N, C-alpha and C. Protein backbone atom coordinates (compact mmCIF):
# COMPACT_ATOMS: atom_id res chain seq x y z
N MET A 1 98.87 69.23 71.25
CA MET A 1 100.22 69.25 71.91
C MET A 1 101.01 68.02 71.66
N THR A 2 102.41 68.11 71.54
CA THR A 2 103.16 66.89 71.27
C THR A 2 103.81 66.24 72.38
N GLY A 3 103.43 66.67 73.65
CA GLY A 3 104.02 66.05 74.83
C GLY A 3 105.09 67.02 75.57
N LYS A 4 105.53 68.00 74.77
CA LYS A 4 106.26 69.02 75.39
C LYS A 4 105.54 70.07 76.21
N MET A 5 106.05 70.41 77.37
CA MET A 5 105.39 71.38 78.13
C MET A 5 106.07 72.80 77.68
N SER A 6 105.32 73.83 77.84
CA SER A 6 105.75 75.16 77.50
C SER A 6 106.60 75.78 78.70
N VAL A 7 107.35 76.61 78.37
CA VAL A 7 108.30 77.22 79.46
C VAL A 7 107.44 77.77 80.61
N TRP A 8 106.22 78.36 80.38
CA TRP A 8 105.42 78.89 81.34
C TRP A 8 104.87 77.64 82.22
N THR A 9 104.48 76.61 81.68
CA THR A 9 103.99 75.46 82.31
C THR A 9 104.96 74.95 83.32
N ARG A 10 106.22 74.82 82.77
CA ARG A 10 107.35 74.26 83.52
C ARG A 10 107.67 75.10 84.72
N LEU A 11 107.66 76.50 84.51
CA LEU A 11 107.89 77.46 85.56
C LEU A 11 106.85 77.36 86.68
N PHE A 12 105.61 77.32 86.17
CA PHE A 12 104.48 77.18 87.10
C PHE A 12 104.61 75.91 87.97
N LEU A 13 104.79 74.77 87.29
CA LEU A 13 104.96 73.55 88.16
C LEU A 13 106.14 73.48 88.99
N LEU A 14 107.31 74.10 88.64
CA LEU A 14 108.46 74.27 89.43
C LEU A 14 108.13 75.13 90.65
N GLY A 15 107.52 76.20 90.42
CA GLY A 15 107.05 77.05 91.59
C GLY A 15 106.11 76.43 92.61
N ALA A 16 105.12 75.75 92.00
CA ALA A 16 104.15 75.00 92.87
C ALA A 16 104.85 73.99 93.66
N MET A 17 105.80 73.24 93.02
CA MET A 17 106.44 72.09 93.80
C MET A 17 107.34 72.73 94.88
N SER A 18 107.99 73.85 94.59
CA SER A 18 108.77 74.58 95.52
C SER A 18 108.04 75.03 96.73
N LEU A 19 106.82 75.64 96.49
CA LEU A 19 105.98 76.03 97.50
C LEU A 19 105.55 74.80 98.44
N VAL A 20 105.11 73.81 97.96
CA VAL A 20 104.83 72.55 98.62
C VAL A 20 106.10 72.10 99.52
N ALA A 21 107.22 72.20 98.87
CA ALA A 21 108.32 71.58 99.68
C ALA A 21 108.46 72.55 100.96
N VAL A 22 108.52 73.82 100.64
CA VAL A 22 108.78 74.78 101.66
C VAL A 22 107.75 74.60 102.80
N LEU A 23 106.38 74.49 102.40
CA LEU A 23 105.42 74.40 103.39
C LEU A 23 105.53 73.07 104.14
N THR A 24 105.86 72.00 103.54
CA THR A 24 105.96 70.71 104.07
C THR A 24 107.09 70.72 105.09
N THR A 25 108.19 71.37 104.71
CA THR A 25 109.48 71.46 105.61
C THR A 25 109.06 72.17 106.95
N PHE A 26 108.31 73.33 106.84
CA PHE A 26 108.05 74.12 108.10
C PHE A 26 106.97 73.45 108.77
N ALA A 27 105.98 72.84 108.15
CA ALA A 27 104.90 72.23 108.92
C ALA A 27 105.44 71.17 109.76
N GLY A 28 106.43 70.43 109.32
CA GLY A 28 106.93 69.34 110.21
C GLY A 28 107.62 69.90 111.55
N GLU A 29 108.11 71.25 111.43
CA GLU A 29 108.91 71.82 112.47
C GLU A 29 108.07 72.64 113.38
N ALA A 30 106.94 73.13 113.03
CA ALA A 30 106.06 74.10 113.81
C ALA A 30 105.60 73.47 115.04
N ARG A 31 105.79 74.13 116.02
CA ARG A 31 105.21 73.89 117.43
C ARG A 31 104.75 75.03 118.13
N ALA A 32 103.61 75.09 118.49
CA ALA A 32 103.07 76.22 119.29
C ALA A 32 102.44 75.59 120.64
N SER A 33 102.47 76.32 121.64
CA SER A 33 101.93 75.87 122.85
C SER A 33 101.47 76.96 123.78
N CYS A 34 100.91 76.56 124.93
CA CYS A 34 100.39 77.60 125.88
C CYS A 34 101.24 77.41 127.22
N VAL A 35 100.98 76.46 127.83
CA VAL A 35 101.53 76.31 129.35
C VAL A 35 102.13 74.90 129.53
N VAL A 36 103.21 74.84 130.10
CA VAL A 36 103.85 73.61 130.59
C VAL A 36 103.23 73.23 131.97
N ASN A 37 102.49 72.19 132.11
CA ASN A 37 101.88 71.82 133.31
C ASN A 37 101.88 70.31 133.55
N GLY A 38 102.99 69.73 133.98
CA GLY A 38 103.01 68.26 134.08
C GLY A 38 103.40 67.64 132.77
N VAL A 39 102.46 67.38 131.84
CA VAL A 39 102.70 66.79 130.52
C VAL A 39 103.55 67.40 129.71
N GLY A 40 103.33 68.78 129.47
CA GLY A 40 104.22 69.42 128.61
C GLY A 40 103.52 70.62 127.87
N ALA A 41 104.09 71.11 126.75
CA ALA A 41 103.64 72.23 126.05
C ALA A 41 102.44 71.86 125.21
N ARG A 42 101.82 72.83 124.65
CA ARG A 42 100.52 72.58 123.91
C ARG A 42 100.45 73.28 122.59
N VAL A 43 99.94 72.60 121.55
CA VAL A 43 99.80 73.20 120.28
C VAL A 43 98.38 73.27 119.88
N ALA A 44 98.06 74.57 119.28
CA ALA A 44 96.63 74.86 119.11
C ALA A 44 96.13 74.17 117.76
N VAL A 45 94.75 73.83 117.85
CA VAL A 45 94.07 73.38 116.67
C VAL A 45 92.97 74.39 116.38
N PRO A 46 93.08 75.19 115.33
CA PRO A 46 91.98 76.15 114.96
C PRO A 46 90.95 75.62 114.26
N ARG A 47 89.73 76.25 114.50
CA ARG A 47 88.43 75.94 113.76
C ARG A 47 87.83 77.05 113.19
N PRO A 48 87.64 77.05 111.88
CA PRO A 48 87.22 78.36 111.28
C PRO A 48 85.74 78.69 111.72
N HIS A 49 85.53 79.91 111.73
CA HIS A 49 84.20 80.46 112.19
C HIS A 49 83.91 81.66 111.19
N LEU A 50 82.97 81.44 110.35
CA LEU A 50 82.77 82.46 109.22
C LEU A 50 81.67 83.50 109.46
N ALA A 51 80.88 83.35 110.45
CA ALA A 51 79.88 84.42 110.76
C ALA A 51 80.67 85.67 111.59
N VAL A 52 80.17 86.87 111.34
CA VAL A 52 80.82 87.99 112.03
C VAL A 52 80.13 88.08 113.38
N PRO A 53 80.94 87.96 114.50
CA PRO A 53 80.24 88.03 115.79
C PRO A 53 79.38 89.34 116.10
N ALA A 54 78.31 89.18 116.82
CA ALA A 54 77.43 90.44 116.97
C ALA A 54 78.32 91.46 117.85
N GLY A 55 79.29 91.13 118.74
CA GLY A 55 80.03 92.13 119.38
C GLY A 55 80.76 93.14 118.50
N LEU A 56 81.04 92.77 117.24
CA LEU A 56 81.74 93.58 116.28
C LEU A 56 80.92 94.75 115.97
N ARG A 57 79.75 94.70 116.07
CA ARG A 57 78.89 95.89 115.68
C ARG A 57 79.19 97.15 116.31
N ASP A 58 79.77 97.17 117.63
CA ASP A 58 80.14 98.30 118.37
C ASP A 58 81.53 98.78 118.15
N PHE A 59 82.33 98.10 117.34
CA PHE A 59 83.68 98.38 117.15
C PHE A 59 83.78 99.51 116.08
N ASP A 60 84.39 100.63 116.28
CA ASP A 60 84.40 101.61 115.17
C ASP A 60 85.75 101.76 114.58
N GLY A 61 86.73 100.90 114.98
CA GLY A 61 88.15 100.95 114.37
C GLY A 61 89.06 101.78 115.20
N SER A 62 88.59 102.49 116.23
CA SER A 62 89.42 103.35 117.10
C SER A 62 89.57 102.61 118.37
N ASN A 63 90.06 103.27 119.38
CA ASN A 63 90.14 102.81 120.78
C ASN A 63 88.74 102.89 121.41
N HIS A 64 87.64 103.33 120.76
CA HIS A 64 86.36 103.43 121.45
C HIS A 64 85.48 102.30 120.98
N PHE A 65 85.05 101.53 122.16
CA PHE A 65 84.42 100.26 121.86
C PHE A 65 82.86 100.32 122.11
N GLY A 66 82.33 101.46 122.47
CA GLY A 66 81.01 101.70 122.73
C GLY A 66 80.50 100.98 124.05
N VAL A 67 79.24 101.23 124.36
CA VAL A 67 78.67 100.81 125.71
C VAL A 67 78.55 99.24 125.68
N HIS A 68 78.50 98.65 124.55
CA HIS A 68 78.42 97.13 124.45
C HIS A 68 79.63 96.39 124.63
N GLY A 69 80.82 96.99 124.50
CA GLY A 69 82.14 96.43 124.75
C GLY A 69 82.44 95.19 123.94
N SER A 70 82.92 95.37 122.72
CA SER A 70 83.42 94.30 121.83
C SER A 70 84.65 93.69 122.53
N VAL A 71 84.90 92.25 122.35
CA VAL A 71 86.02 91.56 122.86
C VAL A 71 87.11 91.68 121.77
N VAL A 72 86.83 92.05 120.50
CA VAL A 72 87.87 92.14 119.48
C VAL A 72 88.92 93.19 119.82
N GLY A 73 90.13 92.76 119.81
CA GLY A 73 91.25 93.43 120.00
C GLY A 73 92.38 92.71 120.83
N MET A 74 93.27 93.40 121.44
CA MET A 74 94.41 92.83 122.03
C MET A 74 94.29 93.08 123.62
N TRP A 75 94.55 91.99 124.37
CA TRP A 75 94.50 92.09 125.80
C TRP A 75 95.69 91.49 126.49
N ASN A 76 95.91 92.10 127.72
CA ASN A 76 96.80 91.49 128.65
C ASN A 76 95.95 90.72 129.83
N ALA A 77 96.08 89.41 129.69
CA ALA A 77 95.26 88.64 130.45
C ALA A 77 96.02 87.73 131.47
N VAL A 78 95.40 87.58 132.64
CA VAL A 78 96.05 86.76 133.60
C VAL A 78 94.93 85.71 134.02
N PHE A 79 95.32 84.49 134.25
CA PHE A 79 94.56 83.38 134.59
C PHE A 79 94.99 82.85 136.00
N LEU A 80 94.17 83.16 136.93
CA LEU A 80 94.55 82.82 138.36
C LEU A 80 93.97 81.46 138.69
N ILE A 81 94.58 80.84 139.50
CA ILE A 81 94.20 79.51 140.05
C ILE A 81 93.10 79.81 141.16
N GLY A 82 91.96 79.29 141.02
CA GLY A 82 90.88 79.65 141.92
C GLY A 82 90.64 81.09 142.02
N ASP A 83 90.66 81.71 142.94
CA ASP A 83 90.42 83.26 143.15
C ASP A 83 91.80 83.90 143.38
N GLY A 84 92.83 83.23 143.26
CA GLY A 84 94.23 83.76 143.28
C GLY A 84 94.70 83.59 144.70
N PRO A 85 95.88 84.08 145.03
CA PRO A 85 96.76 85.01 144.09
C PRO A 85 97.69 84.09 143.22
N ASP A 86 97.68 82.80 143.31
CA ASP A 86 98.53 82.06 142.49
C ASP A 86 98.14 82.13 141.01
N VAL A 87 99.17 82.38 140.15
CA VAL A 87 98.88 82.65 138.69
C VAL A 87 99.12 81.21 137.95
N TYR A 88 98.19 80.88 137.13
CA TYR A 88 98.29 79.74 136.20
C TYR A 88 99.04 80.18 134.89
N ASP A 89 98.63 81.30 134.36
CA ASP A 89 99.30 81.81 133.16
C ASP A 89 99.03 83.32 133.03
N GLN A 90 99.96 83.98 132.33
CA GLN A 90 99.81 85.29 132.01
C GLN A 90 99.92 85.33 130.49
N THR A 91 99.12 86.18 129.73
CA THR A 91 99.21 86.06 128.36
C THR A 91 98.93 87.55 127.56
N VAL A 92 99.40 87.61 126.43
CA VAL A 92 98.94 88.61 125.45
C VAL A 92 98.09 87.76 124.52
N GLN A 93 96.90 88.42 124.58
CA GLN A 93 95.72 87.69 123.82
C GLN A 93 95.06 88.59 122.84
N GLN A 94 94.80 87.97 121.63
CA GLN A 94 94.16 88.77 120.58
C GLN A 94 92.85 88.03 120.29
N PHE A 95 91.70 88.79 120.17
CA PHE A 95 90.47 88.24 119.69
C PHE A 95 90.23 88.86 118.31
N HIS A 96 90.11 88.03 117.27
CA HIS A 96 89.90 88.62 115.86
C HIS A 96 88.38 88.62 115.52
N SER A 97 87.98 89.46 114.71
CA SER A 97 86.63 89.60 114.32
C SER A 97 86.05 88.43 113.55
N ASP A 98 86.77 87.42 113.18
CA ASP A 98 86.36 86.32 112.46
C ASP A 98 86.05 85.12 113.40
N GLY A 99 86.12 85.31 114.69
CA GLY A 99 85.84 84.37 115.76
C GLY A 99 87.06 83.55 116.15
N LEU A 100 88.31 83.89 115.69
CA LEU A 100 89.42 83.24 116.05
C LEU A 100 90.24 83.92 117.12
N GLU A 101 91.01 83.37 118.06
CA GLU A 101 91.70 83.93 118.98
C GLU A 101 93.10 83.45 119.05
N GLN A 102 94.05 84.30 119.42
CA GLN A 102 95.47 83.95 119.51
C GLN A 102 95.96 84.34 120.86
N MET A 103 96.85 83.46 121.45
CA MET A 103 97.36 83.74 122.78
C MET A 103 98.96 83.61 122.75
N LEU A 104 99.70 84.49 123.32
CA LEU A 104 101.11 84.34 123.56
C LEU A 104 101.28 84.21 125.03
N SER A 105 101.87 83.13 125.42
CA SER A 105 101.93 82.71 126.91
C SER A 105 103.22 82.93 127.40
N ASN A 106 103.40 83.34 128.69
CA ASN A 106 104.68 83.38 129.26
C ASN A 106 104.86 82.17 130.25
N GLY A 107 104.01 81.09 130.09
CA GLY A 107 104.10 79.84 130.83
C GLY A 107 105.20 79.15 130.49
N LEU A 108 105.78 79.25 129.34
CA LEU A 108 107.04 78.48 128.94
C LEU A 108 107.86 79.26 127.88
N PRO A 109 109.03 78.89 127.80
CA PRO A 109 109.88 79.51 126.72
C PRO A 109 109.49 79.39 125.24
N PRO A 110 109.71 80.27 124.41
CA PRO A 110 109.44 80.28 123.05
C PRO A 110 110.01 78.99 122.40
N ALA A 111 111.12 78.48 122.87
CA ALA A 111 111.72 77.24 122.06
C ALA A 111 110.71 76.18 122.23
N LEU A 112 109.93 76.08 123.36
CA LEU A 112 108.90 74.96 123.59
C LEU A 112 107.62 75.35 122.75
N GLY A 113 107.43 76.59 122.32
CA GLY A 113 106.42 76.97 121.59
C GLY A 113 105.29 77.53 122.59
N ASN A 114 105.28 78.87 122.53
CA ASN A 114 104.42 79.54 123.55
C ASN A 114 103.22 80.35 122.79
N VAL A 115 102.84 80.00 121.68
CA VAL A 115 101.82 80.59 121.02
C VAL A 115 100.72 79.63 120.62
N CYS A 116 99.34 79.88 120.85
CA CYS A 116 98.42 79.04 120.64
C CYS A 116 97.14 79.77 120.17
N VAL A 117 96.03 79.04 119.69
CA VAL A 117 94.94 79.83 119.23
C VAL A 117 93.65 79.01 119.81
N GLY A 118 92.46 79.73 119.59
CA GLY A 118 91.24 79.19 119.88
C GLY A 118 90.05 79.80 119.14
N VAL A 119 88.80 79.46 119.39
CA VAL A 119 87.69 80.03 118.77
C VAL A 119 86.80 80.62 119.98
N TRP A 120 85.97 81.70 119.46
CA TRP A 120 85.11 82.39 120.40
C TRP A 120 83.85 82.69 119.73
N LYS A 121 82.82 83.03 120.55
CA LYS A 121 81.53 83.43 120.12
C LYS A 121 80.90 84.36 121.23
N GLN A 122 80.12 85.29 120.74
CA GLN A 122 79.36 86.09 121.78
C GLN A 122 78.16 85.28 122.16
N THR A 123 77.86 85.36 123.56
CA THR A 123 76.79 84.46 124.22
C THR A 123 75.68 85.51 124.77
N GLY A 124 75.96 86.74 124.93
CA GLY A 124 74.99 87.66 125.39
C GLY A 124 75.64 89.06 125.39
N LEU A 125 74.93 90.00 126.02
CA LEU A 125 75.43 91.41 126.10
C LEU A 125 76.79 91.44 126.72
N ARG A 126 77.80 91.81 126.09
CA ARG A 126 79.25 91.91 126.48
C ARG A 126 79.76 90.55 127.13
N THR A 127 79.18 89.45 126.88
CA THR A 127 79.63 88.22 127.26
C THR A 127 80.04 87.34 126.14
N PHE A 128 81.08 86.50 126.44
CA PHE A 128 81.73 85.83 125.35
C PHE A 128 82.30 84.37 125.94
N LYS A 129 82.36 83.43 125.00
CA LYS A 129 82.80 82.12 125.37
C LYS A 129 83.98 81.77 124.47
N LEU A 130 84.98 81.23 125.04
CA LEU A 130 86.30 80.90 124.29
C LEU A 130 86.65 79.50 124.53
N LYS A 131 86.96 78.76 123.40
CA LYS A 131 87.42 77.35 123.53
C LYS A 131 88.91 77.31 122.94
N HIS A 132 89.75 76.93 123.82
CA HIS A 132 91.24 77.07 123.40
C HIS A 132 91.80 75.55 123.38
N MET A 133 92.20 75.14 122.18
CA MET A 133 92.48 73.64 122.05
C MET A 133 94.01 73.62 121.70
N ALA A 134 94.76 72.60 122.14
CA ALA A 134 96.17 72.53 121.80
C ALA A 134 96.53 71.00 121.96
N TRP A 135 97.78 70.76 121.49
CA TRP A 135 98.43 69.50 121.70
C TRP A 135 99.24 69.50 122.97
N ASN A 136 99.39 68.43 123.62
CA ASN A 136 100.40 68.26 124.81
C ASN A 136 101.60 67.54 124.41
N TRP A 137 102.83 67.96 124.84
CA TRP A 137 103.91 67.34 124.42
C TRP A 137 104.69 66.88 125.61
N THR A 138 105.56 65.78 125.55
CA THR A 138 106.43 65.54 126.64
C THR A 138 107.66 66.33 126.55
N GLU A 139 108.42 66.55 127.64
CA GLU A 139 109.62 67.37 127.57
C GLU A 139 110.51 66.94 126.57
N ASP A 140 110.59 65.65 126.15
CA ASP A 140 111.55 65.21 125.22
C ASP A 140 110.78 65.20 123.69
N GLY A 141 109.83 65.90 123.67
CA GLY A 141 109.21 66.32 122.27
C GLY A 141 108.34 65.16 121.65
N LYS A 142 107.76 64.26 122.57
CA LYS A 142 106.88 63.34 121.97
C LYS A 142 105.33 63.75 122.29
N LEU A 143 104.45 63.48 121.43
CA LEU A 143 103.12 63.81 121.53
C LEU A 143 102.55 62.97 122.68
N ALA A 144 101.81 63.78 123.65
CA ALA A 144 101.38 63.13 124.86
C ALA A 144 99.75 63.34 125.06
N GLY A 145 99.15 63.98 124.14
CA GLY A 145 97.70 64.15 124.14
C GLY A 145 97.22 65.53 123.83
N THR A 146 96.12 65.92 124.27
CA THR A 146 95.52 67.23 124.01
C THR A 146 95.10 68.14 125.23
N PHE A 147 95.03 69.28 124.94
CA PHE A 147 94.70 70.33 126.13
C PHE A 147 93.50 71.10 125.76
N ILE A 148 92.53 71.29 126.59
CA ILE A 148 91.27 72.25 126.14
C ILE A 148 91.19 73.03 127.41
N MET A 149 91.05 74.45 127.09
CA MET A 149 90.70 75.48 128.04
C MET A 149 89.49 76.08 127.57
N GLU A 150 88.56 76.25 128.48
CA GLU A 150 87.21 76.98 128.24
C GLU A 150 87.06 78.11 129.10
N VAL A 151 86.83 79.24 128.48
CA VAL A 151 86.81 80.55 129.25
C VAL A 151 85.34 81.18 129.01
N GLU A 152 84.76 81.65 129.92
CA GLU A 152 83.55 82.53 129.81
C GLU A 152 83.90 83.88 130.46
N LEU A 153 83.61 85.04 129.72
CA LEU A 153 84.13 86.17 130.20
C LEU A 153 83.09 87.38 129.88
N LYS A 154 83.20 88.35 130.63
CA LYS A 154 82.21 89.63 130.42
C LYS A 154 83.22 90.74 130.34
N VAL A 155 82.97 91.60 129.18
CA VAL A 155 83.73 92.81 128.99
C VAL A 155 82.97 94.00 129.70
N ASP A 156 83.77 94.85 130.48
CA ASP A 156 82.95 95.96 131.15
C ASP A 156 82.40 96.94 130.11
N ARG A 157 81.55 97.83 130.63
CA ARG A 157 80.88 98.73 129.68
C ARG A 157 81.73 99.71 128.99
N SER A 158 82.94 100.01 129.49
CA SER A 158 83.97 100.91 128.69
C SER A 158 84.68 100.03 127.69
N GLY A 159 84.59 98.70 127.76
CA GLY A 159 85.37 97.85 126.72
C GLY A 159 86.82 97.78 127.01
N THR A 160 87.29 98.26 128.19
CA THR A 160 88.75 98.29 128.56
C THR A 160 89.24 97.17 129.44
N SER A 161 88.28 96.23 129.91
CA SER A 161 88.68 95.20 130.84
C SER A 161 87.57 94.12 130.70
N TYR A 162 88.07 92.87 131.21
CA TYR A 162 87.03 91.78 131.22
C TYR A 162 87.41 91.04 132.50
N VAL A 163 86.45 90.25 133.04
CA VAL A 163 86.57 89.28 134.00
C VAL A 163 85.68 88.13 133.69
N GLY A 164 86.13 86.81 134.18
CA GLY A 164 85.45 85.67 133.85
C GLY A 164 86.04 84.54 134.62
N SER A 165 85.66 83.31 134.23
CA SER A 165 86.00 82.08 134.83
C SER A 165 86.51 81.18 133.71
N TRP A 166 87.58 80.24 134.08
CA TRP A 166 88.09 79.41 133.17
C TRP A 166 88.26 78.04 133.71
N LYS A 167 88.33 77.00 132.95
CA LYS A 167 88.73 75.66 133.46
C LYS A 167 89.58 75.04 132.32
N ALA A 168 90.53 74.29 132.66
CA ALA A 168 91.39 73.53 131.66
C ALA A 168 91.54 72.08 132.05
N ASP A 169 91.58 71.11 130.97
CA ASP A 169 91.76 69.80 131.19
C ASP A 169 92.71 69.33 130.08
N SER A 170 93.62 68.28 130.54
CA SER A 170 94.49 67.69 129.53
C SER A 170 93.94 66.25 129.37
N TYR A 171 94.29 65.60 128.17
CA TYR A 171 93.73 64.26 127.89
C TYR A 171 94.87 63.59 127.34
N ASP A 172 94.92 62.21 127.58
CA ASP A 172 96.02 61.33 127.15
C ASP A 172 95.77 61.05 125.63
N LEU A 173 96.55 60.23 125.03
CA LEU A 173 96.49 59.83 123.68
C LEU A 173 95.27 58.95 123.43
N SER A 174 94.61 58.42 124.39
CA SER A 174 93.43 57.71 124.25
C SER A 174 92.17 58.52 124.63
N ASP A 175 92.32 59.77 124.83
CA ASP A 175 91.26 60.77 125.06
C ASP A 175 90.69 60.65 126.44
N ASN A 176 91.45 60.00 127.38
CA ASN A 176 91.13 60.01 128.81
C ASN A 176 91.63 61.19 129.56
N VAL A 177 90.74 61.76 130.36
CA VAL A 177 91.09 63.02 131.18
C VAL A 177 92.18 62.55 132.08
N ILE A 178 93.08 63.53 132.37
CA ILE A 178 94.32 63.35 133.28
C ILE A 178 93.85 64.20 134.40
N PRO A 179 93.20 63.56 135.51
CA PRO A 179 92.67 64.42 136.62
C PRO A 179 93.67 65.31 137.38
N ASP A 180 94.90 64.91 137.44
CA ASP A 180 96.00 65.73 138.13
C ASP A 180 96.36 66.97 137.41
N LEU A 181 95.86 67.13 136.15
CA LEU A 181 96.12 68.39 135.39
C LEU A 181 94.96 69.29 135.24
N HIS A 182 93.89 68.88 135.89
CA HIS A 182 92.71 69.82 135.93
C HIS A 182 93.12 71.02 136.68
N ALA A 183 92.68 72.22 136.11
CA ALA A 183 92.89 73.56 136.80
C ALA A 183 91.62 74.40 136.51
N GLU A 184 91.40 75.34 137.39
CA GLU A 184 90.30 76.32 137.06
C GLU A 184 90.42 77.49 137.89
N GLY A 185 89.85 78.60 137.52
CA GLY A 185 89.82 79.90 138.38
C GLY A 185 89.32 81.00 137.73
N VAL A 186 89.91 82.17 138.01
CA VAL A 186 89.30 83.50 137.55
C VAL A 186 90.18 84.04 136.51
N ALA A 187 89.68 84.58 135.48
CA ALA A 187 90.33 85.26 134.38
C ALA A 187 90.13 86.72 134.42
N ARG A 188 91.24 87.55 134.22
CA ARG A 188 90.94 88.89 134.12
C ARG A 188 91.80 89.52 133.04
N GLY A 189 91.34 90.42 132.23
CA GLY A 189 91.96 91.00 130.99
C GLY A 189 91.80 92.53 131.06
N SER A 190 92.98 93.18 130.63
CA SER A 190 92.94 94.55 130.38
C SER A 190 93.39 94.92 128.91
N ARG A 191 92.61 95.73 128.29
CA ARG A 191 92.72 96.03 126.83
C ARG A 191 94.07 96.72 126.57
N ILE A 192 94.82 96.39 125.53
CA ILE A 192 96.00 96.87 125.18
C ILE A 192 95.69 97.80 123.97
N GLY A 193 95.80 99.08 124.14
CA GLY A 193 95.57 99.98 123.15
C GLY A 193 96.85 100.65 122.38
N VAL A 194 96.59 101.43 121.37
CA VAL A 194 97.84 102.03 120.75
C VAL A 194 98.35 103.20 121.52
N ASP A 195 97.48 103.89 122.22
CA ASP A 195 97.90 105.03 123.13
C ASP A 195 97.98 104.77 124.59
């Protein structure tokens, strides 16, 4: 070659640079969160999980989930403070077969970012553990620390509801627990089906 790039090489490089520019632009603006509670909104930090969870064995692609009740699917979930009746958060929640979870929270408006994610694994017969991680933000948009919610739940035999316990803690920028933001209680979910 004499140092000149072919037309195809130039088009490929232009396309790649454009894609990087678009992704960089949106990455700087993206904010997702779960609940505003003192410090502010939260942004999720996903962790890949490559193994197929054992609970998926009972999922047949329909609204029938077998006697072992897979958690995979969409749920309407409520997180009560203690045993209730006070509500910490109400969500639309999705558990994916790859061990990732997504949550759409009504705890704050979409402008502050009300979408977050977590990771889950099966721990026993119809029992599951979820770790939900996010960033905390101040109301004026500055990073304030992190948020971690841990949930243990059990899906009923029909696979249409779950009950469990949860706890949540927030950490400042130095990874110190913020005691005033600790919360825990009961979680209840109802499966959302097509019909």
